[in-house]
Amino acid sequence: MVEAKKTLVDEPNLERLLGLESSKIGFYSEVKQKIQELEAANAGLRIKTTELQAVFDSISDGVVIYDHNGYIQHRNHVCPRQFPTETLVGRGCRELFHPDSERAPDTCPVEKALSGENTQSSLTATKGSGESRYFDVTATPIEDTNERTRALVFIRDVTEKRRNELHLMQAEKMSGIGMLAAGVAHEINNPLTSVAGYAEALLRRFRDEADLRDDSRLADFKKYLLVIIREAYRCKGIIDSLLTFSRKSEGSVGLVDVNGIVGEVLELVRHKARNDNIELRESLDPELPMVTGDAAGLRQVFMNLTMNALQAIKGAGVVRIATFSRDGSVNAVISDNGCGIPQAMMDQIWDPFFTTKEVGQGLGLGLAVTFNIVKTHGGEIFVDSRQGEGSKFTVRLPLCQA
């Protein structure tokens, strides 16, 4: 009994002698230090994660990360505004970049990035209203030692930039073609005047001189002369359109009531609308402010757009004309439920002599002239269209400055 008690008493002394007690203290101290280091590292990681998330969310472009199989892992807050469903987590690259193809084509930016290639491309998306939006896409591979390559995709909305570029190109094109049109018009106009004048003189002789009128050998001459006169004046009408296209309107500039202009145009086209079984629906803002401009030029703008709307409808249909003020501008919208414009032609409709109408139905100058007049007024013109569903043209003019 005494020996057992002595052994119990001597064991701590033995641990002290062997240094076991100090080794435990050292071990626990080392573990505690490691825990503190891990906690500090975790705090640093949390800070870095918060910083990276803030950077991720502050980017004004859409940012999407695709895993090595081409499925979305992450997206930032911009993506839901650009592509709400196509960029949901778990969706594949097909949803956004090649929805009409079962397999990813060679041009898919995500597939290229997953294969280790940096790519830059463009994307055009059409909303339900028919409005086209343009995006620049940059795809970059993400190398990961613990996982196969992923893809980082930036999506930048460049719609406004693209529209401004198109408008600038159009303005430059109009300027060059306008100078050419003016020269050609003057060169052709003088000979046409002579042709029409001499044909009318011969026609008067046929009417005034009985021996010519009764000569059977000249029985067809009157008909031929009428054709010559008619076609000469048709050509002169084309020349007048060219001259209108090539120069600014010479009308006086003053305060213009857009509602009044639209009303005049509607009165002129009502008979055609009735004959073609087309309904005209007006929604004019009675409080619409005045604009500064050339009434004759603006009358031509709304006449061109309204006639285009009527001609786009085959059979019964509806043309809507609305005016309203918004954001410091007067807006006029002319829409129809006609044939619409193919997306492939949207960038060409403002070009002089480009037309989708049948031969003899139009010269292709109406929209070119319209664009030129609106621009000279400091305004803008936009088009939304979908083939088979109709078109909507919006004219935006600056308010009169007091």
Protein backbone atom coordinates (compact mmCIF):
# COMPACT_ATOMS: atom_id res chain seq x y z
CA MET A 1 0.00 0.00 0.00
CA VAL A 2 2.84 2.33 0.79
CA GLU A 3 4.64 1.43 -2.42
CA ALA A 4 1.54 2.12 -4.54
CA LYS A 5 1.12 5.53 -2.94
CA LYS A 6 4.74 6.29 -3.50
CA THR A 7 4.42 5.34 -7.17
CA LEU A 8 1.43 7.64 -7.59
CA VAL A 9 3.30 10.46 -5.98
CA ASP A 10 6.43 9.91 -8.05
CA GLU A 11 4.76 9.78 -11.51
CA PRO A 12 4.41 13.61 -11.88
CA ASN A 13 7.96 13.97 -10.70
CA LEU A 14 8.96 11.43 -13.32
CA GLU A 15 7.13 13.41 -16.06
CA ARG A 16 8.94 16.55 -14.96
CA LEU A 17 12.23 14.72 -14.98
CA LEU A 18 11.59 13.37 -18.49
CA GLY A 19 10.30 16.76 -19.77
CA LEU A 20 6.92 15.38 -20.75
CA GLU A 21 5.00 18.16 -19.02
CA SER A 22 6.89 20.89 -20.87
CA SER A 23 6.47 19.05 -24.17
CA LYS A 24 2.65 19.04 -23.73
CA ILE A 25 2.70 22.73 -22.98
CA GLY A 26 4.82 23.32 -26.06
CA PHE A 27 2.52 21.16 -28.18
CA TYR A 28 -0.61 22.94 -27.02
CA SER A 29 1.10 26.29 -27.49
CA GLU A 30 2.07 25.35 -31.02
CA VAL A 31 -1.45 24.15 -31.80
CA LYS A 32 -2.90 27.38 -30.42
CA GLN A 33 -0.49 29.40 -32.55
CA LYS A 34 -1.47 27.43 -35.65
CA ILE A 35 -5.15 27.99 -34.91
CA GLN A 36 -4.54 31.71 -34.55
CA GLU A 37 -2.64 31.72 -37.84
CA LEU A 38 -5.48 29.86 -39.56
CA GLU A 39 -8.04 32.26 -38.12
CA ALA A 40 -5.97 35.20 -39.39
CA ALA A 41 -5.65 33.54 -42.79
CA ASN A 42 -9.40 32.90 -42.91
CA ALA A 43 -10.09 36.52 -41.99
CA GLY A 44 -7.75 37.61 -44.76
CA LEU A 45 -9.51 35.28 -47.19
CA ARG A 46 -12.89 36.67 -46.16
CA ILE A 47 -11.62 40.20 -46.77
CA LYS A 48 -10.20 39.21 -50.15
CA THR A 49 -13.44 37.41 -51.02
CA THR A 50 -15.45 40.50 -50.12
CA GLU A 51 -13.10 42.69 -52.16
CA LEU A 52 -13.29 40.38 -55.18
CA GLN A 53 -17.08 40.17 -54.90
CA ALA A 54 -17.26 43.98 -54.77
CA VAL A 55 -15.05 44.20 -57.86
CA PHE A 56 -17.13 41.49 -59.56
CA ASP A 57 -20.36 43.36 -58.85
CA SER A 58 -18.99 46.78 -59.78
CA ILE A 59 -18.20 45.77 -63.35
CA SER A 60 -20.70 47.43 -65.67
CA ASP A 61 -20.41 44.63 -68.23
CA GLY A 62 -22.07 41.27 -67.92
CA VAL A 63 -19.64 38.70 -66.48
CA VAL A 64 -20.24 34.95 -66.75
CA ILE A 65 -18.01 32.04 -65.65
CA TYR A 66 -18.52 28.71 -67.44
CA ASP A 67 -17.18 25.42 -66.04
CA HIS A 68 -15.09 22.97 -68.07
CA ASN A 69 -18.28 21.43 -69.51
CA GLY A 70 -19.60 24.76 -70.77
CA TYR A 71 -22.21 25.31 -68.03
CA ILE A 72 -22.61 28.53 -66.07
CA GLN A 73 -21.12 28.56 -62.57
CA HIS A 74 -21.40 32.25 -61.70
CA ARG A 75 -22.78 35.49 -63.13
CA ASN A 76 -22.78 39.09 -61.92
CA HIS A 77 -25.77 41.37 -61.33
CA VAL A 78 -25.65 42.84 -64.87
CA CYS A 79 -26.41 39.56 -66.65
CA PRO A 80 -30.04 39.28 -65.48
CA ARG A 81 -30.72 42.66 -67.13
CA GLN A 82 -29.05 41.67 -70.38
CA PHE A 83 -30.07 38.01 -70.66
CA PRO A 84 -32.39 36.98 -67.78
CA THR A 85 -32.87 33.32 -68.68
CA GLU A 86 -29.90 32.57 -70.93
CA THR A 87 -27.39 33.25 -68.12
CA LEU A 88 -29.05 31.34 -65.27
CA VAL A 89 -26.63 29.19 -63.28
CA GLY A 90 -26.51 25.72 -64.81
CA ARG A 91 -27.41 26.84 -68.33
CA GLY A 92 -25.08 25.90 -71.18
CA CYS A 93 -23.33 28.19 -73.64
CA ARG A 94 -25.79 27.05 -76.32
CA GLU A 95 -28.60 29.05 -74.67
CA LEU A 96 -26.83 32.35 -75.31
CA PHE A 97 -24.44 31.95 -78.20
CA HIS A 98 -25.97 29.32 -80.52
CA PRO A 99 -29.60 28.61 -79.59
CA ASP A 100 -30.40 27.33 -83.08
CA SER A 101 -27.63 24.73 -83.09
CA GLU A 102 -27.65 21.46 -81.15
CA ARG A 103 -23.86 21.35 -80.94
CA ALA A 104 -21.46 24.19 -80.25
CA PRO A 105 -20.06 25.50 -83.54
CA ASP A 106 -16.39 26.34 -84.04
CA THR A 107 -17.23 30.03 -83.59
CA CYS A 108 -18.59 29.60 -80.04
CA PRO A 109 -16.49 31.89 -77.80
CA VAL A 110 -16.97 29.65 -74.74
CA GLU A 111 -15.74 26.55 -76.55
CA LYS A 112 -12.73 28.47 -77.82
CA ALA A 113 -11.91 29.70 -74.32
CA LEU A 114 -12.23 26.18 -72.89
CA SER A 115 -9.69 25.04 -75.46
CA GLY A 116 -7.28 27.75 -74.20
CA GLU A 117 -7.92 30.47 -76.79
CA ASN A 118 -8.68 34.15 -76.11
CA THR A 119 -11.49 35.38 -78.36
CA GLN A 120 -13.36 38.57 -79.19
CA SER A 121 -16.65 38.44 -81.07
CA SER A 122 -19.99 40.17 -81.53
CA LEU A 123 -23.50 39.13 -80.57
CA THR A 124 -26.81 40.49 -81.84
CA ALA A 125 -29.96 39.83 -79.83
CA THR A 126 -33.54 40.70 -80.72
CA LYS A 127 -36.04 41.51 -78.00
CA GLY A 128 -39.69 40.58 -78.15
CA SER A 129 -40.53 44.03 -79.50
CA GLY A 130 -38.25 43.45 -82.49
CA GLU A 131 -35.59 45.85 -81.24
CA SER A 132 -32.05 44.68 -82.00
CA ARG A 133 -29.30 45.09 -79.43
CA TYR A 134 -25.59 44.65 -80.09
CA PHE A 135 -22.97 43.20 -77.73
CA ASP A 136 -19.19 42.78 -77.75
CA VAL A 137 -18.10 39.46 -76.25
CA THR A 138 -14.65 38.69 -74.82
CA ALA A 139 -13.91 35.12 -73.68
CA THR A 140 -10.76 34.19 -71.72
CA PRO A 141 -9.62 30.79 -70.41
CA ILE A 142 -9.18 30.35 -66.63
CA GLU A 143 -6.35 27.94 -65.85
CA ASP A 144 -6.93 25.98 -62.63
CA THR A 145 -4.54 23.38 -61.21
CA ASN A 146 -7.32 21.61 -59.33
CA GLU A 147 -9.85 21.70 -62.15
CA ARG A 148 -9.92 21.65 -65.90
CA THR A 149 -9.98 24.95 -67.82
CA ARG A 150 -12.99 27.21 -67.29
CA ALA A 151 -14.13 30.23 -69.34
CA LEU A 152 -14.47 33.85 -68.22
CA VAL A 153 -16.85 35.78 -70.52
CA PHE A 154 -17.41 39.55 -70.57
CA ILE A 155 -20.54 40.83 -72.37
CA ARG A 156 -20.63 44.57 -73.14
CA ASP A 157 -23.77 46.28 -74.47
CA VAL A 158 -22.63 48.48 -77.37
CA THR A 159 -26.06 49.19 -78.86
CA GLU A 160 -25.87 52.98 -78.54
CA LYS A 161 -22.32 53.02 -79.85
CA ARG A 162 -23.32 50.84 -82.80
CA ARG A 163 -26.31 53.07 -83.60
CA ASN A 164 -24.17 56.19 -83.42
CA GLU A 165 -21.61 54.61 -85.75
CA LEU A 166 -24.34 53.64 -88.20
CA HIS A 167 -25.80 57.16 -88.08
CA LEU A 168 -22.36 58.68 -88.65
CA MET A 169 -21.67 56.34 -91.57
CA GLN A 170 -25.09 57.17 -92.96
CA ALA A 171 -24.48 60.91 -92.66
CA GLU A 172 -21.13 60.61 -94.44
CA LYS A 173 -22.67 58.44 -97.14
CA MET A 174 -25.53 60.89 -97.59
CA SER A 175 -23.10 63.78 -97.94
CA GLY A 176 -21.06 62.08 -100.67
CA ILE A 177 -24.03 60.74 -102.61
CA GLY A 178 -25.83 64.06 -102.21
CA MET A 179 -23.07 65.92 -104.03
CA LEU A 180 -23.09 63.31 -106.80
CA ALA A 181 -26.89 63.38 -107.03
CA ALA A 182 -26.95 67.17 -107.37
CA GLY A 183 -24.51 67.10 -110.29
CA VAL A 184 -26.28 64.24 -112.07
CA ALA A 185 -29.70 65.81 -111.51
CA HIS A 186 -28.75 69.13 -113.11
CA GLU A 187 -27.08 67.39 -116.06
CA ILE A 188 -30.18 65.27 -116.76
CA ASN A 189 -32.81 67.87 -115.97
CA ASN A 190 -31.95 70.21 -118.88
CA PRO A 191 -32.22 67.56 -121.67
CA LEU A 192 -35.44 66.24 -120.12
CA THR A 193 -36.93 69.72 -120.19
CA SER A 194 -36.15 69.95 -123.90
CA VAL A 195 -37.62 66.51 -124.62
CA ALA A 196 -40.84 67.29 -122.75
CA GLY A 197 -41.08 70.77 -124.28
CA TYR A 198 -40.70 69.64 -127.89
CA ALA A 199 -43.09 66.70 -127.38
CA GLU A 200 -45.72 69.10 -125.99
CA ALA A 201 -45.13 71.45 -128.95
CA LEU A 202 -45.69 68.60 -131.43
CA LEU A 203 -48.81 67.54 -129.54
CA ARG A 204 -50.21 71.08 -129.80
CA ARG A 205 -49.58 71.06 -133.58
CA PHE A 206 -51.54 67.81 -133.86
CA ARG A 207 -54.43 69.38 -132.02
CA ASP A 208 -54.33 72.68 -133.92
CA GLU A 209 -53.64 71.50 -137.48
CA ALA A 210 -56.45 69.49 -139.02
CA ASP A 211 -54.36 68.03 -141.85
CA LEU A 212 -51.95 66.45 -139.33
CA ARG A 213 -54.75 65.30 -137.07
CA ASP A 214 -56.62 63.65 -139.96
CA ASP A 215 -53.55 62.04 -141.58
CA SER A 216 -53.96 58.28 -141.11
CA ARG A 217 -50.22 57.79 -141.34
CA LEU A 218 -49.83 59.80 -138.11
CA ALA A 219 -52.63 58.06 -136.23
CA ASP A 220 -50.28 56.65 -133.57
CA PHE A 221 -48.15 59.78 -133.19
CA LYS A 222 -50.42 61.43 -130.60
CA LYS A 223 -50.30 58.30 -128.43
CA TYR A 224 -46.52 58.12 -128.74
CA LEU A 225 -46.13 61.79 -127.85
CA LEU A 226 -48.32 61.38 -124.77
CA VAL A 227 -46.09 58.48 -123.64
CA ILE A 228 -42.96 60.60 -124.21
CA ILE A 229 -44.40 63.50 -122.21
CA ARG A 230 -45.60 61.26 -119.38
CA GLU A 231 -42.28 59.46 -119.04
CA ALA A 232 -40.30 62.69 -119.32
CA TYR A 233 -42.22 64.18 -116.42
CA ARG A 234 -41.80 60.96 -114.48
CA CYS A 235 -38.06 61.29 -114.93
CA LYS A 236 -38.27 64.92 -113.86
CA GLY A 237 -40.04 63.76 -110.70
CA ILE A 238 -37.14 61.43 -109.99
CA ILE A 239 -34.71 64.29 -110.58
CA ASP A 240 -36.67 66.48 -108.16
CA SER A 241 -36.35 63.72 -105.55
CA LEU A 242 -32.62 63.59 -106.16
CA LEU A 243 -32.34 67.34 -105.74
CA THR A 244 -34.38 67.22 -102.55
CA PHE A 245 -32.09 64.48 -101.29
CA SER A 246 -28.94 66.38 -102.18
CA ARG A 247 -29.66 69.70 -100.49
CA LYS A 248 -31.19 71.10 -97.36
CA SER A 249 -34.73 72.30 -97.56
CA GLU A 250 -34.95 75.94 -98.64
CA GLY A 251 -38.10 76.48 -96.61
CA SER A 252 -38.20 78.98 -93.79
CA VAL A 253 -37.37 77.84 -90.26
CA GLY A 254 -39.75 78.69 -87.45
CA LEU A 255 -42.00 77.25 -84.79
CA VAL A 256 -43.71 74.08 -86.01
CA ASP A 257 -46.74 72.29 -84.59
CA VAL A 258 -45.99 68.60 -85.19
CA ASN A 259 -49.60 67.65 -84.47
CA GLY A 260 -50.72 70.08 -87.19
CA ILE A 261 -48.23 68.62 -89.68
CA VAL A 262 -49.34 65.06 -88.88
CA GLY A 263 -52.98 66.09 -89.23
CA GLU A 264 -52.33 67.55 -92.70
CA VAL A 265 -50.58 64.38 -93.81
CA LEU A 266 -53.40 62.18 -92.54
CA GLU A 267 -55.97 64.22 -94.46
CA LEU A 268 -53.97 63.65 -97.66
CA VAL A 269 -53.68 59.88 -97.21
CA ARG A 270 -57.17 59.10 -95.89
CA HIS A 271 -58.54 58.34 -99.34
CA LYS A 272 -55.79 55.80 -100.00
CA ALA A 273 -56.34 54.21 -96.60
CA ARG A 274 -60.08 53.89 -97.26
CA ASN A 275 -59.54 52.43 -100.73
CA ASP A 276 -57.04 49.88 -99.36
CA ASN A 277 -59.24 48.97 -96.36
CA ILE A 278 -56.63 50.25 -93.90
CA GLU A 279 -57.64 51.86 -90.61
CA LEU A 280 -55.83 54.99 -89.43
CA ARG A 281 -55.65 55.31 -85.65
CA GLU A 282 -54.47 58.59 -84.14
CA SER A 283 -53.22 59.27 -80.63
CA LEU A 284 -51.94 62.85 -80.66
CA ASP A 285 -50.88 64.58 -77.45
CA PRO A 286 -52.99 67.77 -77.23
CA GLU A 287 -50.32 69.39 -75.01
CA LEU A 288 -47.46 68.64 -77.42
CA PRO A 289 -44.85 71.44 -77.37
CA MET A 290 -43.67 73.22 -80.51
CA VAL A 291 -40.39 72.47 -82.25
CA THR A 292 -38.11 74.69 -84.28
CA GLY A 293 -37.84 73.54 -87.87
CA ASP A 294 -38.89 73.65 -91.49
CA ALA A 295 -42.57 72.78 -91.78
CA ALA A 296 -42.23 71.67 -95.42
CA GLY A 297 -39.34 69.36 -94.61
CA LEU A 298 -41.12 67.79 -91.63
CA ARG A 299 -44.28 67.40 -93.71
CA GLN A 300 -42.24 65.36 -96.17
CA VAL A 301 -40.82 63.24 -93.34
CA PHE A 302 -44.25 62.24 -92.03
CA MET A 303 -45.68 61.82 -95.52
CA ASN A 304 -42.86 59.41 -96.45
CA LEU A 305 -43.22 57.37 -93.26
CA THR A 306 -47.02 57.22 -93.45
CA MET A 307 -47.04 56.22 -97.12
CA ASN A 308 -44.43 53.53 -96.39
CA ALA A 309 -46.66 52.19 -93.61
CA LEU A 310 -49.69 52.08 -95.92
CA GLN A 311 -47.74 50.40 -98.72
CA ALA A 312 -46.34 47.77 -96.33
CA ILE A 313 -49.86 46.42 -95.69
CA LYS A 314 -51.36 43.99 -98.18
CA GLY A 315 -55.08 43.83 -97.61
CA ALA A 316 -56.82 45.04 -94.46
CA GLY A 317 -54.64 46.46 -91.70
CA VAL A 318 -53.98 49.23 -89.21
CA VAL A 319 -51.60 52.19 -89.21
CA ARG A 320 -51.10 53.94 -85.87
CA ILE A 321 -49.80 57.49 -85.49
CA ALA A 322 -48.93 58.79 -82.02
CA THR A 323 -47.20 61.90 -80.68
CA PHE A 324 -45.89 62.65 -77.19
CA SER A 325 -43.15 64.60 -75.42
CA ARG A 326 -40.48 62.92 -73.31
CA ASP A 327 -37.01 63.75 -71.99
CA GLY A 328 -36.79 67.15 -73.67
CA SER A 329 -37.94 65.99 -77.07
CA VAL A 330 -41.07 65.66 -79.22
CA ASN A 331 -41.67 62.11 -80.42
CA ALA A 332 -43.82 60.91 -83.29
CA VAL A 333 -44.37 57.18 -83.84
CA ILE A 334 -45.76 55.67 -87.05
CA SER A 335 -46.38 51.92 -86.86
CA ASP A 336 -48.10 49.33 -89.03
CA ASN A 337 -48.95 45.64 -89.00
CA GLY A 338 -47.65 45.04 -92.50
CA CYS A 339 -44.95 42.84 -93.97
CA GLY A 340 -42.10 44.14 -91.80
CA ILE A 341 -38.43 44.36 -92.68
CA PRO A 342 -36.05 41.36 -92.65
CA GLN A 343 -33.32 41.72 -90.01
CA ALA A 344 -30.64 41.27 -92.68
CA MET A 345 -31.85 44.46 -94.39
CA MET A 346 -32.23 46.68 -91.31
CA ASP A 347 -28.88 48.40 -91.78
CA GLN A 348 -29.57 49.09 -95.48
CA ILE A 349 -32.99 50.74 -95.37
CA TRP A 350 -31.48 54.24 -95.00
CA ASP A 351 -29.30 53.81 -98.09
CA PRO A 352 -30.31 55.83 -101.15
CA PHE A 353 -32.01 53.73 -103.87
CA PHE A 354 -32.40 50.72 -101.56
CA THR A 355 -35.99 49.48 -101.57
CA THR A 356 -37.88 46.29 -100.78
CA LYS A 357 -40.79 47.35 -102.99
CA GLU A 358 -41.54 45.90 -106.37
CA VAL A 359 -40.04 47.47 -109.47
CA GLY A 360 -41.87 50.69 -110.28
CA GLN A 361 -43.35 51.01 -106.79
CA GLY A 362 -40.61 53.17 -105.32
CA LEU A 363 -37.20 54.71 -105.93
CA GLY A 364 -35.65 53.90 -102.57
CA LEU A 365 -35.13 57.60 -101.77
CA GLY A 366 -37.96 58.13 -99.28
CA LEU A 367 -36.17 56.92 -96.15
CA ALA A 368 -32.84 58.41 -97.27
CA VAL A 369 -34.50 61.83 -97.64
CA THR A 370 -36.35 61.35 -94.35
CA PHE A 371 -33.12 60.52 -92.53
CA ASN A 372 -31.41 63.59 -93.99
CA ILE A 373 -34.23 65.97 -93.01
CA VAL A 374 -34.48 64.63 -89.45
CA LYS A 375 -30.71 64.97 -88.98
CA THR A 376 -30.71 68.57 -90.25
CA HIS A 377 -33.29 69.29 -87.53
CA GLY A 378 -30.94 67.90 -84.86
CA GLY A 379 -33.23 64.93 -84.34
CA GLU A 380 -33.02 61.14 -84.47
CA ILE A 381 -35.00 58.43 -86.20
CA PHE A 382 -35.25 54.80 -85.07
CA VAL A 383 -36.88 51.71 -86.50
CA ASP A 384 -38.14 48.53 -84.83
CA SER A 385 -39.35 45.83 -87.18
CA ARG A 386 -39.94 42.12 -87.43
CA GLN A 387 -40.64 40.38 -90.70
CA GLY A 388 -44.29 39.44 -91.04
CA GLU A 389 -45.36 41.46 -87.99
CA GLY A 390 -44.93 45.08 -89.03
CA SER A 391 -42.67 48.08 -88.42
CA LYS A 392 -42.47 51.03 -86.05
CA PHE A 393 -40.63 54.25 -86.94
CA THR A 394 -39.93 56.79 -84.20
CA VAL A 395 -38.95 60.38 -85.00
CA ARG A 396 -37.43 62.31 -82.10
CA LEU A 397 -37.06 66.09 -82.44
CA PRO A 398 -35.57 68.51 -79.88
CA LEU A 399 -37.98 70.85 -78.14
CA CYS A 400 -38.05 74.49 -79.08
CA GLN A 401 -35.60 76.38 -76.87
CA ALA A 402 -37.19 79.40 -75.24
